[in-house]
Amino acid sequence: MRPHKQLKISVLLEDPHVKRWHMNLARGSPVAAEVALRRIGALSGLLGLKPLEMVEKARSDLAGFQDLLEDSVAILESEGSKVKTSFLTTNNNGLVVVTSGCPRSI
């Protein structure tokens, strides 16, 4: 697995899609928006993919992307990390990440 290098928040927010997503989340909860942004940064660094690349990969092959995420979780757990798992599903508007029963659209 690649080195775990989290993308900087300032770099993530240069992407207009990420910035819009973050602003929409922040309207509901600024704290939750910051946590979600850090998580996206960590996942981007782990997978070596930009956020939009993750969305495109998931849209083109959802099952394959889910497998990639599950494999990443297994590796992190084997390294001793505690990982909160989620799953991806799709709707007509894009991807939805469901964590602890709380869906968030990407």
N, C-alpha and C. Protein backbone atom coordinates (compact mmCIF):
# COMPACT_ATOMS: atom_id res chain seq x y z
N MET A 1 0.84 -1.17 0.00
CA MET A 1 0.00 0.00 0.00
C MET A 1 0.89 1.24 0.00
N ARG A 2 0.40 2.29 -0.58
CA ARG A 2 1.16 3.54 -0.67
C ARG A 2 1.34 4.16 0.71
N PRO A 3 2.31 5.05 0.84
CA PRO A 3 2.48 5.76 2.11
C PRO A 3 1.21 6.56 2.42
N HIS A 4 0.90 6.66 3.69
CA HIS A 4 -0.31 7.38 4.11
C HIS A 4 0.02 8.87 4.23
N LYS A 5 -0.17 9.61 3.17
CA LYS A 5 0.10 11.04 3.21
C LYS A 5 -1.21 11.77 2.94
N GLN A 6 -1.70 12.46 3.94
CA GLN A 6 -2.97 13.16 3.81
C GLN A 6 -2.78 14.41 2.96
N LEU A 7 -3.72 14.64 2.04
CA LEU A 7 -3.67 15.87 1.26
C LEU A 7 -4.01 17.05 2.16
N LYS A 8 -3.32 18.15 1.95
CA LYS A 8 -3.57 19.34 2.75
C LYS A 8 -4.95 19.90 2.42
N ILE A 9 -5.59 20.44 3.44
CA ILE A 9 -6.93 21.00 3.28
C ILE A 9 -6.93 22.10 2.22
N SER A 10 -5.89 22.94 2.22
CA SER A 10 -5.84 24.03 1.24
C SER A 10 -5.80 23.49 -0.19
N VAL A 11 -5.11 22.36 -0.38
CA VAL A 11 -5.04 21.75 -1.71
C VAL A 11 -6.40 21.17 -2.09
N LEU A 12 -7.05 20.50 -1.13
CA LEU A 12 -8.38 19.94 -1.40
C LEU A 12 -9.37 21.03 -1.81
N LEU A 13 -9.32 22.16 -1.12
CA LEU A 13 -10.29 23.23 -1.36
C LEU A 13 -10.02 24.00 -2.65
N GLU A 14 -8.91 23.73 -3.32
CA GLU A 14 -8.67 24.33 -4.64
C GLU A 14 -9.58 23.72 -5.70
N ASP A 15 -10.05 22.50 -5.44
CA ASP A 15 -10.98 21.83 -6.36
C ASP A 15 -12.37 22.42 -6.13
N PRO A 16 -13.00 23.03 -7.15
CA PRO A 16 -14.30 23.67 -6.94
C PRO A 16 -15.40 22.70 -6.50
N HIS A 17 -15.31 21.43 -6.90
CA HIS A 17 -16.31 20.44 -6.49
C HIS A 17 -16.19 20.15 -4.99
N VAL A 18 -14.96 20.01 -4.53
CA VAL A 18 -14.72 19.75 -3.11
C VAL A 18 -15.12 20.97 -2.29
N LYS A 19 -14.78 22.15 -2.78
CA LYS A 19 -15.12 23.38 -2.06
C LYS A 19 -16.64 23.52 -1.92
N ARG A 20 -17.38 23.25 -2.99
CA ARG A 20 -18.83 23.35 -2.96
C ARG A 20 -19.41 22.31 -1.97
N TRP A 21 -18.90 21.07 -2.05
CA TRP A 21 -19.33 20.00 -1.16
C TRP A 21 -19.08 20.39 0.30
N HIS A 22 -17.89 20.93 0.57
CA HIS A 22 -17.52 21.34 1.92
C HIS A 22 -18.42 22.47 2.41
N MET A 23 -18.68 23.46 1.57
CA MET A 23 -19.53 24.59 1.96
C MET A 23 -20.95 24.12 2.27
N ASN A 24 -21.46 23.18 1.47
CA ASN A 24 -22.81 22.65 1.71
C ASN A 24 -22.87 21.90 3.03
N LEU A 25 -21.85 21.09 3.32
CA LEU A 25 -21.80 20.39 4.61
C LEU A 25 -21.71 21.38 5.76
N ALA A 26 -20.91 22.41 5.59
CA ALA A 26 -20.67 23.39 6.65
C ALA A 26 -21.94 24.15 7.02
N ARG A 27 -22.85 24.28 6.09
CA ARG A 27 -24.12 24.94 6.42
C ARG A 27 -24.87 24.18 7.50
N GLY A 28 -24.76 22.86 7.46
CA GLY A 28 -25.41 22.04 8.48
C GLY A 28 -24.59 21.95 9.75
N SER A 29 -23.28 21.76 9.60
CA SER A 29 -22.40 21.65 10.75
C SER A 29 -20.96 21.93 10.32
N PRO A 30 -20.42 23.07 10.72
CA PRO A 30 -19.03 23.39 10.37
C PRO A 30 -18.03 22.35 10.89
N VAL A 31 -18.29 21.83 12.06
CA VAL A 31 -17.38 20.83 12.63
C VAL A 31 -17.41 19.55 11.79
N ALA A 32 -18.61 19.08 11.45
CA ALA A 32 -18.74 17.87 10.63
C ALA A 32 -18.09 18.06 9.26
N ALA A 33 -18.21 19.27 8.72
CA ALA A 33 -17.61 19.57 7.42
C ALA A 33 -16.09 19.47 7.49
N GLU A 34 -15.49 19.97 8.57
CA GLU A 34 -14.04 19.90 8.72
C GLU A 34 -13.57 18.46 8.90
N VAL A 35 -14.32 17.70 9.68
CA VAL A 35 -13.97 16.28 9.89
C VAL A 35 -14.06 15.54 8.56
N ALA A 36 -15.13 15.76 7.82
CA ALA A 36 -15.31 15.09 6.53
C ALA A 36 -14.19 15.47 5.56
N LEU A 37 -13.80 16.72 5.56
CA LEU A 37 -12.73 17.18 4.67
C LEU A 37 -11.40 16.50 5.04
N ARG A 38 -11.11 16.40 6.32
CA ARG A 38 -9.89 15.69 6.75
C ARG A 38 -9.93 14.23 6.33
N ARG A 39 -11.10 13.62 6.45
CA ARG A 39 -11.23 12.20 6.06
C ARG A 39 -11.04 12.02 4.56
N ILE A 40 -11.59 12.93 3.77
CA ILE A 40 -11.39 12.85 2.32
C ILE A 40 -9.91 13.03 1.99
N GLY A 41 -9.25 13.95 2.69
CA GLY A 41 -7.81 14.16 2.49
C GLY A 41 -7.01 12.92 2.82
N ALA A 42 -7.37 12.27 3.93
CA ALA A 42 -6.66 11.05 4.33
C ALA A 42 -6.90 9.94 3.31
N LEU A 43 -8.13 9.78 2.88
CA LEU A 43 -8.45 8.74 1.90
C LEU A 43 -7.77 9.02 0.56
N SER A 44 -7.74 10.27 0.16
CA SER A 44 -7.06 10.64 -1.08
C SER A 44 -5.59 10.27 -1.03
N GLY A 45 -4.96 10.59 0.10
CA GLY A 45 -3.55 10.25 0.27
C GLY A 45 -3.32 8.76 0.29
N LEU A 46 -4.19 8.04 0.95
CA LEU A 46 -4.07 6.59 1.07
C LEU A 46 -4.20 5.90 -0.29
N LEU A 47 -5.19 6.33 -1.06
CA LEU A 47 -5.45 5.70 -2.36
C LEU A 47 -4.61 6.29 -3.49
N GLY A 48 -4.01 7.45 -3.26
CA GLY A 48 -3.26 8.10 -4.31
C GLY A 48 -4.15 8.66 -5.41
N LEU A 49 -5.38 9.04 -5.02
CA LEU A 49 -6.35 9.59 -5.96
C LEU A 49 -6.88 10.91 -5.45
N LYS A 50 -7.12 11.85 -6.36
CA LYS A 50 -7.78 13.10 -5.99
C LYS A 50 -9.26 12.79 -5.75
N PRO A 51 -9.97 13.64 -4.99
CA PRO A 51 -11.38 13.37 -4.72
C PRO A 51 -12.21 13.13 -5.98
N LEU A 52 -12.03 13.95 -7.01
CA LEU A 52 -12.81 13.77 -8.23
C LEU A 52 -12.45 12.45 -8.92
N GLU A 53 -11.19 12.05 -8.83
CA GLU A 53 -10.78 10.76 -9.40
C GLU A 53 -11.45 9.61 -8.66
N MET A 54 -11.62 9.76 -7.34
CA MET A 54 -12.33 8.72 -6.58
C MET A 54 -13.78 8.61 -7.04
N VAL A 55 -14.42 9.76 -7.23
CA VAL A 55 -15.81 9.77 -7.68
C VAL A 55 -15.92 9.13 -9.07
N GLU A 56 -15.02 9.52 -9.98
CA GLU A 56 -15.06 8.96 -11.33
C GLU A 56 -14.82 7.45 -11.31
N LYS A 57 -13.87 7.00 -10.49
CA LYS A 57 -13.59 5.57 -10.38
C LYS A 57 -14.80 4.82 -9.84
N ALA A 58 -15.43 5.38 -8.82
CA ALA A 58 -16.61 4.74 -8.24
C ALA A 58 -17.78 4.73 -9.21
N ARG A 59 -17.96 5.79 -9.97
CA ARG A 59 -19.05 5.83 -10.96
C ARG A 59 -18.84 4.82 -12.07
N SER A 60 -17.58 4.62 -12.48
CA SER A 60 -17.32 3.71 -13.59
C SER A 60 -17.30 2.25 -13.15
N ASP A 61 -16.93 1.98 -11.89
CA ASP A 61 -16.85 0.61 -11.40
C ASP A 61 -17.08 0.62 -9.89
N LEU A 62 -18.34 0.74 -9.48
CA LEU A 62 -18.66 0.86 -8.06
C LEU A 62 -18.18 -0.35 -7.28
N ALA A 63 -18.42 -1.55 -7.79
CA ALA A 63 -18.00 -2.76 -7.07
C ALA A 63 -16.48 -2.80 -6.92
N GLY A 64 -15.76 -2.44 -7.97
CA GLY A 64 -14.30 -2.41 -7.90
C GLY A 64 -13.80 -1.38 -6.91
N PHE A 65 -14.46 -0.22 -6.86
CA PHE A 65 -14.05 0.83 -5.93
C PHE A 65 -14.36 0.40 -4.50
N GLN A 66 -15.51 -0.25 -4.29
CA GLN A 66 -15.82 -0.76 -2.95
C GLN A 66 -14.78 -1.78 -2.52
N ASP A 67 -14.36 -2.65 -3.45
CA ASP A 67 -13.32 -3.62 -3.14
C ASP A 67 -12.02 -2.91 -2.74
N LEU A 68 -11.67 -1.85 -3.48
CA LEU A 68 -10.46 -1.08 -3.16
C LEU A 68 -10.55 -0.50 -1.76
N LEU A 69 -11.70 0.05 -1.41
CA LEU A 69 -11.88 0.62 -0.07
C LEU A 69 -11.80 -0.47 1.00
N GLU A 70 -12.46 -1.59 0.75
CA GLU A 70 -12.44 -2.68 1.73
C GLU A 70 -11.03 -3.24 1.90
N ASP A 71 -10.29 -3.38 0.81
CA ASP A 71 -8.90 -3.84 0.90
C ASP A 71 -8.05 -2.84 1.70
N SER A 72 -8.30 -1.55 1.48
CA SER A 72 -7.56 -0.52 2.21
C SER A 72 -7.87 -0.59 3.70
N VAL A 73 -9.13 -0.80 4.04
CA VAL A 73 -9.52 -0.92 5.45
C VAL A 73 -8.83 -2.13 6.07
N ALA A 74 -8.80 -3.25 5.36
CA ALA A 74 -8.16 -4.47 5.88
C ALA A 74 -6.67 -4.23 6.14
N ILE A 75 -6.01 -3.53 5.22
CA ILE A 75 -4.58 -3.24 5.40
C ILE A 75 -4.36 -2.32 6.59
N LEU A 76 -5.18 -1.27 6.70
CA LEU A 76 -5.04 -0.35 7.83
C LEU A 76 -5.28 -1.07 9.15
N GLU A 77 -6.29 -1.94 9.19
CA GLU A 77 -6.57 -2.69 10.42
C GLU A 77 -5.41 -3.62 10.76
N SER A 78 -4.81 -4.23 9.74
CA SER A 78 -3.67 -5.12 9.99
C SER A 78 -2.46 -4.35 10.52
N GLU A 79 -2.41 -3.04 10.23
CA GLU A 79 -1.34 -2.19 10.73
C GLU A 79 -1.67 -1.63 12.12
N GLY A 80 -2.84 -2.00 12.64
CA GLY A 80 -3.23 -1.56 13.97
C GLY A 80 -4.12 -0.35 14.03
N SER A 81 -4.55 0.17 12.88
CA SER A 81 -5.43 1.35 12.87
C SER A 81 -6.86 0.95 13.19
N LYS A 82 -7.56 1.83 13.87
CA LYS A 82 -8.99 1.67 14.10
C LYS A 82 -9.69 2.41 12.97
N VAL A 83 -10.50 1.71 12.21
CA VAL A 83 -11.11 2.31 11.03
C VAL A 83 -12.62 2.26 11.16
N LYS A 84 -13.26 3.40 10.94
CA LYS A 84 -14.72 3.47 10.90
C LYS A 84 -15.13 3.16 9.46
N THR A 85 -15.88 2.10 9.28
CA THR A 85 -16.21 1.68 7.92
C THR A 85 -17.48 2.35 7.42
N SER A 86 -17.56 2.47 6.13
CA SER A 86 -18.69 3.05 5.42
C SER A 86 -18.95 2.20 4.20
N PHE A 87 -20.00 2.49 3.49
CA PHE A 87 -20.18 1.87 2.20
C PHE A 87 -20.70 2.90 1.22
N LEU A 88 -20.44 2.64 -0.04
CA LEU A 88 -20.87 3.54 -1.10
C LEU A 88 -22.07 2.96 -1.82
N THR A 89 -22.95 3.84 -2.21
CA THR A 89 -24.05 3.45 -3.07
C THR A 89 -24.24 4.60 -4.05
N THR A 90 -25.06 4.43 -5.04
CA THR A 90 -25.28 5.50 -6.00
C THR A 90 -26.76 5.86 -6.04
N ASN A 91 -27.01 7.09 -6.44
CA ASN A 91 -28.36 7.51 -6.76
C ASN A 91 -28.25 8.35 -8.03
N ASN A 92 -29.33 8.93 -8.46
CA ASN A 92 -29.30 9.69 -9.72
C ASN A 92 -28.42 10.92 -9.64
N ASN A 93 -28.13 11.40 -8.43
CA ASN A 93 -27.34 12.62 -8.27
C ASN A 93 -25.86 12.35 -8.08
N GLY A 94 -25.46 11.11 -7.96
CA GLY A 94 -24.04 10.82 -7.77
C GLY A 94 -23.84 9.72 -6.77
N LEU A 95 -22.79 9.87 -5.99
CA LEU A 95 -22.43 8.87 -4.99
C LEU A 95 -22.92 9.30 -3.62
N VAL A 96 -23.23 8.33 -2.80
CA VAL A 96 -23.62 8.60 -1.43
C VAL A 96 -22.77 7.71 -0.54
N VAL A 97 -22.10 8.31 0.43
CA VAL A 97 -21.34 7.56 1.41
C VAL A 97 -22.22 7.41 2.64
N VAL A 98 -22.42 6.20 3.09
CA VAL A 98 -23.26 5.96 4.26
C VAL A 98 -22.36 5.50 5.39
N THR A 99 -22.33 6.27 6.46
CA THR A 99 -21.55 5.95 7.66
C THR A 99 -22.48 6.03 8.85
N SER A 100 -22.56 4.98 9.59
CA SER A 100 -23.40 4.95 10.79
C SER A 100 -24.82 5.41 10.49
N GLY A 101 -25.35 5.03 9.34
CA GLY A 101 -26.71 5.35 8.98
C GLY A 101 -26.94 6.78 8.57
N CYS A 102 -25.88 7.54 8.33
CA CYS A 102 -26.01 8.95 7.98
C CYS A 102 -25.46 9.18 6.57
N PRO A 103 -26.33 9.23 5.55
CA PRO A 103 -25.83 9.38 4.19
C PRO A 103 -25.34 10.79 3.88
N ARG A 104 -24.28 10.87 3.11
CA ARG A 104 -23.73 12.14 2.64
C ARG A 104 -23.47 12.00 1.14
N SER A 105 -23.99 12.92 0.36
CA SER A 105 -23.75 12.88 -1.08
C SER A 105 -22.39 13.47 -1.41
N ILE A 106 -21.78 12.91 -2.44
CA ILE A 106 -20.52 13.45 -2.95
C ILE A 106 -20.82 14.04 -4.32
